[in-house]
Amino acid sequence: MRHIINLEVENHSGVLARISGLFSARGFNIESLSVARAEDEDISRMTLVARGDDVIIEQITKQLNKLIDVIRVVDITSNYFVGRELVLVRVNCPPKMRGDIQQVNEIFGAKVVDICQKSMTMEMVGSEEKVDAFMETMRPFGIKEVARTGPIAMLREFRRKS
């Protein structure tokens, strides 16, 4: 199963290497990783995506909590959270196809960030499912290049009562 894990860590050199080393030493793959400074400049926030059953993820979480630079680890997969991805996609786009591509952009809320004689580059932000759908819709135009962040996520402050 795919898990989204949020971490708060001390913001200094070597922390990311220790965390990724923990994964590689145990033979676990990190599918995506996003790291940036938090509201406090001494803390960084990470969103990490990994696959494994609940036992493996629990083992990883315990090992991460043992690292000195790690402040907090939360597997948010089964909680209510807000998640977004960013994708930049460059497609083949001769002038006669620009109207068609722009219609797709409007449907998905994508923005054109660069346009050239033979290509167009868009950015789109949304849920993983929305980004996947956008990519599939762009595929027939001829995707030339893609840069995708993977998810970033936060627990929702409001949680529904059962």
N, C-alpha and C. Protein backbone atom coordinates (compact mmCIF):
# COMPACT_ATOMS: atom_id res chain seq x y z
N MET A 1 0.84 -1.18 0.00
CA MET A 1 0.00 0.00 0.00
C MET A 1 0.88 1.25 0.00
N ARG A 2 0.40 2.29 -0.60
CA ARG A 2 1.11 3.56 -0.70
C ARG A 2 0.81 4.40 0.53
N HIS A 3 1.86 4.94 1.15
CA HIS A 3 1.71 5.75 2.36
C HIS A 3 2.32 7.14 2.15
N ILE A 4 1.63 8.14 2.68
CA ILE A 4 2.13 9.50 2.68
C ILE A 4 2.54 9.82 4.11
N ILE A 5 3.82 10.14 4.29
CA ILE A 5 4.37 10.38 5.61
C ILE A 5 4.85 11.83 5.70
N ASN A 6 4.39 12.53 6.71
CA ASN A 6 4.85 13.91 6.96
C ASN A 6 5.88 13.88 8.07
N LEU A 7 6.94 14.65 7.87
CA LEU A 7 7.98 14.76 8.88
C LEU A 7 8.27 16.22 9.15
N GLU A 8 8.58 16.52 10.40
CA GLU A 8 9.17 17.80 10.76
C GLU A 8 10.57 17.46 11.23
N VAL A 9 11.56 18.16 10.67
CA VAL A 9 12.96 17.87 10.98
C VAL A 9 13.70 19.17 11.22
N GLU A 10 14.85 19.06 11.87
CA GLU A 10 15.70 20.22 12.05
C GLU A 10 16.26 20.62 10.68
N ASN A 11 16.30 21.91 10.44
CA ASN A 11 16.71 22.43 9.14
C ASN A 11 18.21 22.69 9.12
N HIS A 12 18.97 21.62 8.86
CA HIS A 12 20.41 21.80 8.68
C HIS A 12 20.95 20.68 7.80
N SER A 13 22.18 20.85 7.36
CA SER A 13 22.75 19.92 6.38
C SER A 13 22.87 18.50 6.95
N GLY A 14 22.69 17.54 6.08
CA GLY A 14 22.85 16.14 6.42
C GLY A 14 21.58 15.42 6.84
N VAL A 15 20.54 16.16 7.17
CA VAL A 15 19.30 15.53 7.65
C VAL A 15 18.68 14.68 6.53
N LEU A 16 18.56 15.26 5.36
CA LEU A 16 17.96 14.53 4.23
C LEU A 16 18.77 13.28 3.91
N ALA A 17 20.09 13.38 3.96
CA ALA A 17 20.95 12.22 3.68
C ALA A 17 20.72 11.11 4.70
N ARG A 18 20.55 11.47 5.97
CA ARG A 18 20.31 10.45 7.00
C ARG A 18 18.95 9.77 6.79
N ILE A 19 17.96 10.56 6.42
CA ILE A 19 16.62 9.99 6.21
C ILE A 19 16.61 9.08 4.99
N SER A 20 17.17 9.56 3.88
CA SER A 20 17.19 8.70 2.68
C SER A 20 18.09 7.49 2.90
N GLY A 21 19.15 7.64 3.68
CA GLY A 21 20.02 6.51 4.02
C GLY A 21 19.30 5.45 4.81
N LEU A 22 18.42 5.86 5.70
CA LEU A 22 17.63 4.92 6.49
C LEU A 22 16.78 4.06 5.55
N PHE A 23 16.18 4.69 4.56
CA PHE A 23 15.35 3.95 3.60
C PHE A 23 16.20 3.00 2.76
N SER A 24 17.29 3.50 2.21
CA SER A 24 18.10 2.66 1.32
C SER A 24 18.76 1.51 2.07
N ALA A 25 19.16 1.73 3.32
CA ALA A 25 19.78 0.67 4.11
C ALA A 25 18.83 -0.49 4.35
N ARG A 26 17.55 -0.21 4.35
CA ARG A 26 16.54 -1.25 4.58
C ARG A 26 15.90 -1.73 3.28
N GLY A 27 16.38 -1.23 2.16
CA GLY A 27 15.87 -1.67 0.86
C GLY A 27 14.52 -1.10 0.50
N PHE A 28 14.12 0.02 1.11
CA PHE A 28 12.84 0.65 0.80
C PHE A 28 13.06 1.79 -0.18
N ASN A 29 12.12 1.95 -1.08
CA ASN A 29 12.20 3.01 -2.08
C ASN A 29 11.35 4.20 -1.65
N ILE A 30 11.87 5.39 -1.88
CA ILE A 30 11.10 6.62 -1.69
C ILE A 30 10.53 6.97 -3.06
N GLU A 31 9.20 6.95 -3.19
CA GLU A 31 8.57 7.26 -4.48
C GLU A 31 8.63 8.74 -4.80
N SER A 32 8.38 9.56 -3.79
CA SER A 32 8.52 11.01 -3.98
C SER A 32 8.88 11.64 -2.65
N LEU A 33 9.51 12.80 -2.74
CA LEU A 33 9.98 13.50 -1.56
C LEU A 33 9.96 14.99 -1.84
N SER A 34 9.32 15.73 -0.97
CA SER A 34 9.29 17.18 -1.08
C SER A 34 9.73 17.75 0.26
N VAL A 35 10.68 18.69 0.23
CA VAL A 35 11.22 19.27 1.45
C VAL A 35 11.30 20.77 1.29
N ALA A 36 10.89 21.50 2.33
CA ALA A 36 11.04 22.95 2.33
C ALA A 36 11.03 23.46 3.76
N ARG A 37 11.56 24.63 3.93
CA ARG A 37 11.57 25.26 5.25
C ARG A 37 10.13 25.49 5.70
N ALA A 38 9.88 25.31 6.99
CA ALA A 38 8.54 25.50 7.57
C ALA A 38 8.39 26.96 8.01
N GLU A 39 7.34 27.21 8.77
CA GLU A 39 7.10 28.58 9.23
C GLU A 39 8.22 29.06 10.15
N ASP A 40 8.89 28.14 10.84
CA ASP A 40 10.07 28.45 11.65
C ASP A 40 11.29 28.09 10.80
N GLU A 41 12.21 29.00 10.60
CA GLU A 41 13.34 28.76 9.69
C GLU A 41 14.30 27.68 10.19
N ASP A 42 14.17 27.26 11.45
CA ASP A 42 15.02 26.19 11.98
C ASP A 42 14.42 24.81 11.75
N ILE A 43 13.23 24.76 11.16
CA ILE A 43 12.52 23.50 10.93
C ILE A 43 12.18 23.36 9.45
N SER A 44 12.33 22.15 8.93
CA SER A 44 11.87 21.84 7.58
C SER A 44 10.74 20.84 7.68
N ARG A 45 9.85 20.90 6.70
CA ARG A 45 8.74 19.99 6.61
C ARG A 45 8.96 19.11 5.37
N MET A 46 8.78 17.81 5.54
CA MET A 46 8.94 16.86 4.44
C MET A 46 7.63 16.12 4.22
N THR A 47 7.33 15.89 2.96
CA THR A 47 6.26 14.96 2.59
C THR A 47 6.93 13.86 1.79
N LEU A 48 6.81 12.64 2.27
CA LEU A 48 7.50 11.51 1.70
C LEU A 48 6.47 10.44 1.33
N VAL A 49 6.60 9.85 0.17
CA VAL A 49 5.70 8.79 -0.25
C VAL A 49 6.50 7.50 -0.41
N ALA A 50 6.01 6.43 0.24
CA ALA A 50 6.67 5.13 0.17
C ALA A 50 5.60 4.05 0.10
N ARG A 51 5.98 2.90 -0.44
CA ARG A 51 5.06 1.76 -0.51
C ARG A 51 5.50 0.70 0.48
N GLY A 52 4.50 0.07 1.08
CA GLY A 52 4.77 -1.02 2.00
C GLY A 52 3.53 -1.34 2.79
N ASP A 53 3.51 -2.53 3.38
CA ASP A 53 2.35 -2.86 4.21
C ASP A 53 2.47 -2.10 5.53
N ASP A 54 1.43 -2.20 6.35
CA ASP A 54 1.38 -1.44 7.59
C ASP A 54 2.55 -1.76 8.52
N VAL A 55 2.99 -3.01 8.54
CA VAL A 55 4.10 -3.42 9.41
C VAL A 55 5.39 -2.73 8.97
N ILE A 56 5.65 -2.71 7.67
CA ILE A 56 6.87 -2.07 7.14
C ILE A 56 6.84 -0.57 7.42
N ILE A 57 5.70 0.07 7.17
CA ILE A 57 5.59 1.51 7.40
C ILE A 57 5.74 1.83 8.88
N GLU A 58 5.19 0.99 9.74
CA GLU A 58 5.36 1.21 11.19
C GLU A 58 6.83 1.09 11.57
N GLN A 59 7.53 0.13 10.98
CA GLN A 59 8.96 -0.04 11.24
C GLN A 59 9.74 1.20 10.78
N ILE A 60 9.41 1.70 9.58
CA ILE A 60 10.07 2.90 9.06
C ILE A 60 9.80 4.09 9.98
N THR A 61 8.55 4.25 10.40
CA THR A 61 8.18 5.37 11.26
C THR A 61 8.96 5.31 12.58
N LYS A 62 9.07 4.13 13.16
CA LYS A 62 9.83 3.98 14.41
C LYS A 62 11.30 4.33 14.20
N GLN A 63 11.87 3.87 13.09
CA GLN A 63 13.27 4.15 12.80
C GLN A 63 13.49 5.65 12.57
N LEU A 64 12.56 6.29 11.86
CA LEU A 64 12.67 7.74 11.63
C LEU A 64 12.61 8.50 12.94
N ASN A 65 11.73 8.08 13.84
CA ASN A 65 11.61 8.75 15.14
C ASN A 65 12.87 8.63 15.98
N LYS A 66 13.71 7.63 15.72
CA LYS A 66 14.95 7.46 16.47
C LYS A 66 16.05 8.42 16.00
N LEU A 67 15.90 8.97 14.79
CA LEU A 67 16.92 9.90 14.28
C LEU A 67 16.89 11.18 15.09
N ILE A 68 18.04 11.65 15.47
CA ILE A 68 18.16 12.82 16.35
C ILE A 68 17.56 14.09 15.75
N ASP A 69 17.66 14.26 14.43
CA ASP A 69 17.20 15.48 13.78
C ASP A 69 15.70 15.48 13.49
N VAL A 70 15.04 14.37 13.71
CA VAL A 70 13.61 14.25 13.41
C VAL A 70 12.80 14.70 14.62
N ILE A 71 11.91 15.64 14.39
CA ILE A 71 11.08 16.18 15.46
C ILE A 71 9.76 15.43 15.56
N ARG A 72 9.16 15.14 14.39
CA ARG A 72 7.84 14.50 14.39
C ARG A 72 7.66 13.72 13.10
N VAL A 73 7.01 12.56 13.19
CA VAL A 73 6.70 11.71 12.04
C VAL A 73 5.23 11.32 12.13
N VAL A 74 4.48 11.53 11.04
CA VAL A 74 3.07 11.16 11.01
C VAL A 74 2.75 10.52 9.67
N ASP A 75 2.22 9.30 9.71
CA ASP A 75 1.70 8.66 8.51
C ASP A 75 0.27 9.17 8.36
N ILE A 76 0.04 10.04 7.38
CA ILE A 76 -1.27 10.69 7.25
C ILE A 76 -2.20 9.97 6.28
N THR A 77 -1.77 8.85 5.76
CA THR A 77 -2.51 8.15 4.71
C THR A 77 -3.97 7.90 5.06
N SER A 78 -4.24 7.44 6.27
CA SER A 78 -5.62 7.09 6.60
C SER A 78 -6.36 8.22 7.32
N ASN A 79 -5.80 9.41 7.32
CA ASN A 79 -6.44 10.58 7.94
C ASN A 79 -7.01 11.50 6.86
N TYR A 80 -7.79 12.47 7.30
CA TYR A 80 -8.27 13.49 6.37
C TYR A 80 -7.14 14.48 6.15
N PHE A 81 -6.74 14.63 4.90
CA PHE A 81 -5.67 15.57 4.60
C PHE A 81 -5.94 16.29 3.30
N VAL A 82 -5.26 17.42 3.15
CA VAL A 82 -5.30 18.17 1.90
C VAL A 82 -3.99 17.87 1.19
N GLY A 83 -4.07 17.42 -0.05
CA GLY A 83 -2.86 17.09 -0.81
C GLY A 83 -2.90 17.72 -2.19
N ARG A 84 -1.76 18.15 -2.65
CA ARG A 84 -1.64 18.74 -3.98
C ARG A 84 -0.33 18.31 -4.63
N GLU A 85 -0.34 18.30 -5.94
CA GLU A 85 0.87 18.08 -6.74
C GLU A 85 0.98 19.22 -7.74
N LEU A 86 2.19 19.47 -8.16
CA LEU A 86 2.47 20.43 -9.22
C LEU A 86 3.09 19.66 -10.37
N VAL A 87 2.65 19.95 -11.58
CA VAL A 87 3.25 19.36 -12.75
C VAL A 87 3.55 20.46 -13.77
N LEU A 88 4.71 20.38 -14.36
CA LEU A 88 5.05 21.18 -15.54
C LEU A 88 5.11 20.20 -16.70
N VAL A 89 4.41 20.50 -17.77
CA VAL A 89 4.39 19.59 -18.92
C VAL A 89 4.57 20.39 -20.21
N ARG A 90 5.51 19.93 -21.03
CA ARG A 90 5.75 20.55 -22.33
C ARG A 90 5.21 19.60 -23.40
N VAL A 91 4.36 20.12 -24.28
CA VAL A 91 3.78 19.31 -25.35
C VAL A 91 4.09 19.93 -26.70
N ASN A 92 4.05 19.08 -27.72
CA ASN A 92 4.16 19.58 -29.09
C ASN A 92 2.97 20.49 -29.34
N CYS A 93 3.22 21.63 -29.94
CA CYS A 93 2.11 22.56 -30.13
C CYS A 93 2.35 23.51 -31.29
N PRO A 94 2.14 23.04 -32.51
CA PRO A 94 2.19 23.98 -33.62
C PRO A 94 1.04 24.97 -33.48
N PRO A 95 1.15 26.15 -34.06
CA PRO A 95 0.13 27.19 -33.88
C PRO A 95 -1.31 26.72 -34.09
N LYS A 96 -1.56 25.82 -35.03
CA LYS A 96 -2.94 25.40 -35.30
C LYS A 96 -3.56 24.57 -34.17
N MET A 97 -2.73 24.05 -33.24
CA MET A 97 -3.25 23.23 -32.14
C MET A 97 -3.40 24.02 -30.83
N ARG A 98 -3.00 25.26 -30.81
CA ARG A 98 -3.00 26.04 -29.57
C ARG A 98 -4.40 26.20 -28.97
N GLY A 99 -5.40 26.36 -29.80
CA GLY A 99 -6.77 26.50 -29.30
C GLY A 99 -7.24 25.24 -28.59
N ASP A 100 -6.93 24.08 -29.18
CA ASP A 100 -7.32 22.80 -28.55
C ASP A 100 -6.65 22.63 -27.19
N ILE A 101 -5.36 22.93 -27.14
CA ILE A 101 -4.63 22.78 -25.88
C ILE A 101 -5.15 23.78 -24.85
N GLN A 102 -5.46 24.98 -25.27
CA GLN A 102 -5.97 25.98 -24.34
C GLN A 102 -7.31 25.56 -23.75
N GLN A 103 -8.16 24.89 -24.55
CA GLN A 103 -9.43 24.38 -24.01
C GLN A 103 -9.19 23.37 -22.89
N VAL A 104 -8.23 22.47 -23.10
CA VAL A 104 -7.89 21.49 -22.08
C VAL A 104 -7.37 22.21 -20.83
N ASN A 105 -6.51 23.21 -21.04
CA ASN A 105 -5.98 23.97 -19.91
C ASN A 105 -7.09 24.59 -19.08
N GLU A 106 -8.08 25.17 -19.74
CA GLU A 106 -9.20 25.81 -19.03
C GLU A 106 -9.98 24.79 -18.20
N ILE A 107 -10.20 23.62 -18.75
CA ILE A 107 -10.94 22.58 -18.04
C ILE A 107 -10.21 22.17 -16.76
N PHE A 108 -8.89 22.04 -16.84
CA PHE A 108 -8.11 21.57 -15.71
C PHE A 108 -7.54 22.69 -14.84
N GLY A 109 -7.73 23.93 -15.23
CA GLY A 109 -7.17 25.04 -14.46
C GLY A 109 -5.68 25.18 -14.62
N ALA A 110 -5.15 24.72 -15.76
CA ALA A 110 -3.71 24.82 -16.03
C ALA A 110 -3.39 26.19 -16.63
N LYS A 111 -2.15 26.62 -16.44
CA LYS A 111 -1.71 27.91 -16.99
C LYS A 111 -0.55 27.68 -17.93
N VAL A 112 -0.54 28.43 -19.02
CA VAL A 112 0.60 28.40 -19.94
C VAL A 112 1.71 29.22 -19.31
N VAL A 113 2.89 28.62 -19.17
CA VAL A 113 4.02 29.33 -18.57
C VAL A 113 5.14 29.60 -19.59
N ASP A 114 5.05 28.95 -20.76
CA ASP A 114 6.03 29.20 -21.82
C ASP A 114 5.43 28.73 -23.14
N ILE A 115 5.70 29.49 -24.16
CA ILE A 115 5.22 29.12 -25.48
C ILE A 115 6.32 29.40 -26.49
N CYS A 116 6.53 28.45 -27.37
CA CYS A 116 7.54 28.57 -28.42
C CYS A 116 6.88 28.25 -29.76
N GLN A 117 7.66 28.27 -30.80
CA GLN A 117 7.15 28.01 -32.14
C GLN A 117 6.48 26.63 -32.25
N LYS A 118 7.11 25.61 -31.62
CA LYS A 118 6.61 24.24 -31.79
C LYS A 118 6.15 23.58 -30.49
N SER A 119 6.19 24.29 -29.39
CA SER A 119 5.79 23.66 -28.12
C SER A 119 5.14 24.67 -27.19
N MET A 120 4.47 24.13 -26.18
CA MET A 120 3.83 24.94 -25.14
C MET A 120 4.09 24.22 -23.81
N THR A 121 4.39 25.01 -22.78
CA THR A 121 4.62 24.45 -21.44
C THR A 121 3.55 24.99 -20.51
N MET A 122 2.92 24.07 -19.78
CA MET A 122 1.86 24.42 -18.85
C MET A 122 2.25 23.99 -17.44
N GLU A 123 1.64 24.70 -16.47
CA GLU A 123 1.72 24.24 -15.09
C GLU A 123 0.31 23.97 -14.62
N MET A 124 0.19 22.93 -13.80
CA MET A 124 -1.12 22.58 -13.26
C MET A 124 -0.92 22.08 -11.84
N VAL A 125 -1.78 22.52 -10.94
CA VAL A 125 -1.74 22.11 -9.54
C VAL A 125 -3.08 21.46 -9.22
N GLY A 126 -3.02 20.32 -8.56
CA GLY A 126 -4.25 19.66 -8.17
C GLY A 126 -3.97 18.37 -7.43
N SER A 127 -5.02 17.63 -7.17
CA SER A 127 -4.87 16.32 -6.53
C SER A 127 -4.12 15.40 -7.48
N GLU A 128 -3.60 14.32 -6.94
CA GLU A 128 -2.88 13.36 -7.77
C GLU A 128 -3.76 12.85 -8.90
N GLU A 129 -5.03 12.60 -8.61
CA GLU A 129 -5.95 12.10 -9.62
C GLU A 129 -6.17 13.13 -10.73
N LYS A 130 -6.27 14.39 -10.34
CA LYS A 130 -6.48 15.45 -11.33
C LYS A 130 -5.24 15.61 -12.21
N VAL A 131 -4.06 15.54 -11.61
CA VAL A 131 -2.82 15.63 -12.38
C VAL A 131 -2.71 14.45 -13.34
N ASP A 132 -3.05 13.25 -12.86
CA ASP A 132 -3.03 12.07 -13.74
C ASP A 132 -3.97 12.25 -14.93
N ALA A 133 -5.18 12.76 -14.67
CA ALA A 133 -6.15 12.98 -15.74
C ALA A 133 -5.66 14.03 -16.74
N PHE A 134 -5.04 15.08 -16.23
CA PHE A 134 -4.48 16.12 -17.10
C PHE A 134 -3.40 15.53 -18.00
N MET A 135 -2.53 14.71 -17.42
CA MET A 135 -1.45 14.10 -18.20
C MET A 135 -2.01 13.18 -19.29
N GLU A 136 -3.02 12.41 -18.96
CA GLU A 136 -3.62 11.52 -19.96
C GLU A 136 -4.27 12.33 -21.08
N THR A 137 -4.86 13.46 -20.75
CA THR A 137 -5.50 14.31 -21.76
C THR A 137 -4.45 14.98 -22.65
N MET A 138 -3.28 15.27 -22.08
CA MET A 138 -2.20 15.90 -22.85
C MET A 138 -1.45 14.90 -23.74
N ARG A 139 -1.49 13.62 -23.38
CA ARG A 139 -0.71 12.60 -24.10
C ARG A 139 -0.93 12.61 -25.62
N PRO A 140 -2.16 12.73 -26.13
CA PRO A 140 -2.34 12.73 -27.59
C PRO A 140 -1.67 13.91 -28.31
N PHE A 141 -1.40 14.99 -27.59
CA PHE A 141 -0.73 16.13 -28.22
C PHE A 141 0.76 15.86 -28.41
N GLY A 142 1.30 14.90 -27.68
CA GLY A 142 2.71 14.57 -27.78
C GLY A 142 3.50 15.24 -26.66
N ILE A 143 3.61 14.55 -25.54
CA ILE A 143 4.36 15.09 -24.40
C ILE A 143 5.85 15.02 -24.70
N LYS A 144 6.51 16.16 -24.56
CA LYS A 144 7.96 16.24 -24.79
C LYS A 144 8.76 16.13 -23.50
N GLU A 145 8.21 16.68 -22.41
CA GLU A 145 8.93 16.67 -21.14
C GLU A 145 7.95 16.90 -19.99
N VAL A 146 8.24 16.26 -18.86
CA VAL A 146 7.40 16.40 -17.67
C VAL A 146 8.29 16.57 -16.44
N ALA A 147 7.91 17.49 -15.56
CA ALA A 147 8.50 17.61 -14.22
C ALA A 147 7.33 17.63 -13.25
N ARG A 148 7.36 16.68 -12.32
CA ARG A 148 6.22 16.51 -11.40
C ARG A 148 6.74 16.40 -9.97
N THR A 149 6.08 17.09 -9.05
CA THR A 149 6.57 17.15 -7.68
C THR A 149 6.30 15.91 -6.85
N GLY A 150 5.24 15.19 -7.13
CA GLY A 150 4.75 14.22 -6.16
C GLY A 150 3.94 15.01 -5.16
N PRO A 151 3.23 14.32 -4.27
CA PRO A 151 2.33 15.06 -3.38
C PRO A 151 3.03 15.82 -2.27
N ILE A 152 2.43 16.93 -1.90
CA ILE A 152 2.68 17.58 -0.62
C ILE A 152 1.35 17.51 0.10
N ALA A 153 1.36 17.40 1.40
CA ALA A 153 0.10 17.18 2.11
C ALA A 153 0.16 17.71 3.53
N MET A 154 -1.01 18.09 4.03
CA MET A 154 -1.18 18.53 5.41
C MET A 154 -2.44 17.88 5.96
N LEU A 155 -2.39 17.52 7.23
CA LEU A 155 -3.60 17.04 7.88
C LEU A 155 -4.61 18.17 7.92
N ARG A 156 -5.86 17.82 7.75
CA ARG A 156 -6.92 18.83 7.87
C ARG A 156 -7.11 19.16 9.34
N GLU A 157 -7.35 20.42 9.63
CA GLU A 157 -7.61 20.82 11.00
C GLU A 157 -8.99 20.34 11.45
N PHE A 158 -9.95 20.43 10.54
CA PHE A 158 -11.31 19.96 10.80
C PHE A 158 -11.38 18.49 10.43
N ARG A 159 -11.91 17.68 11.31
CA ARG A 159 -12.09 16.26 11.02
C ARG A 159 -13.55 15.90 11.24
N ARG A 160 -14.13 15.20 10.26
CA ARG A 160 -15.53 14.78 10.37
C ARG A 160 -15.70 13.83 11.54
N LYS A 161 -16.85 13.95 12.18
CA LYS A 161 -17.18 13.01 13.24
C LYS A 161 -17.91 11.83 12.63
N SER A 162 -17.61 10.63 13.12
CA SER A 162 -18.23 9.42 12.57
C SER A 162 -19.63 9.25 13.07
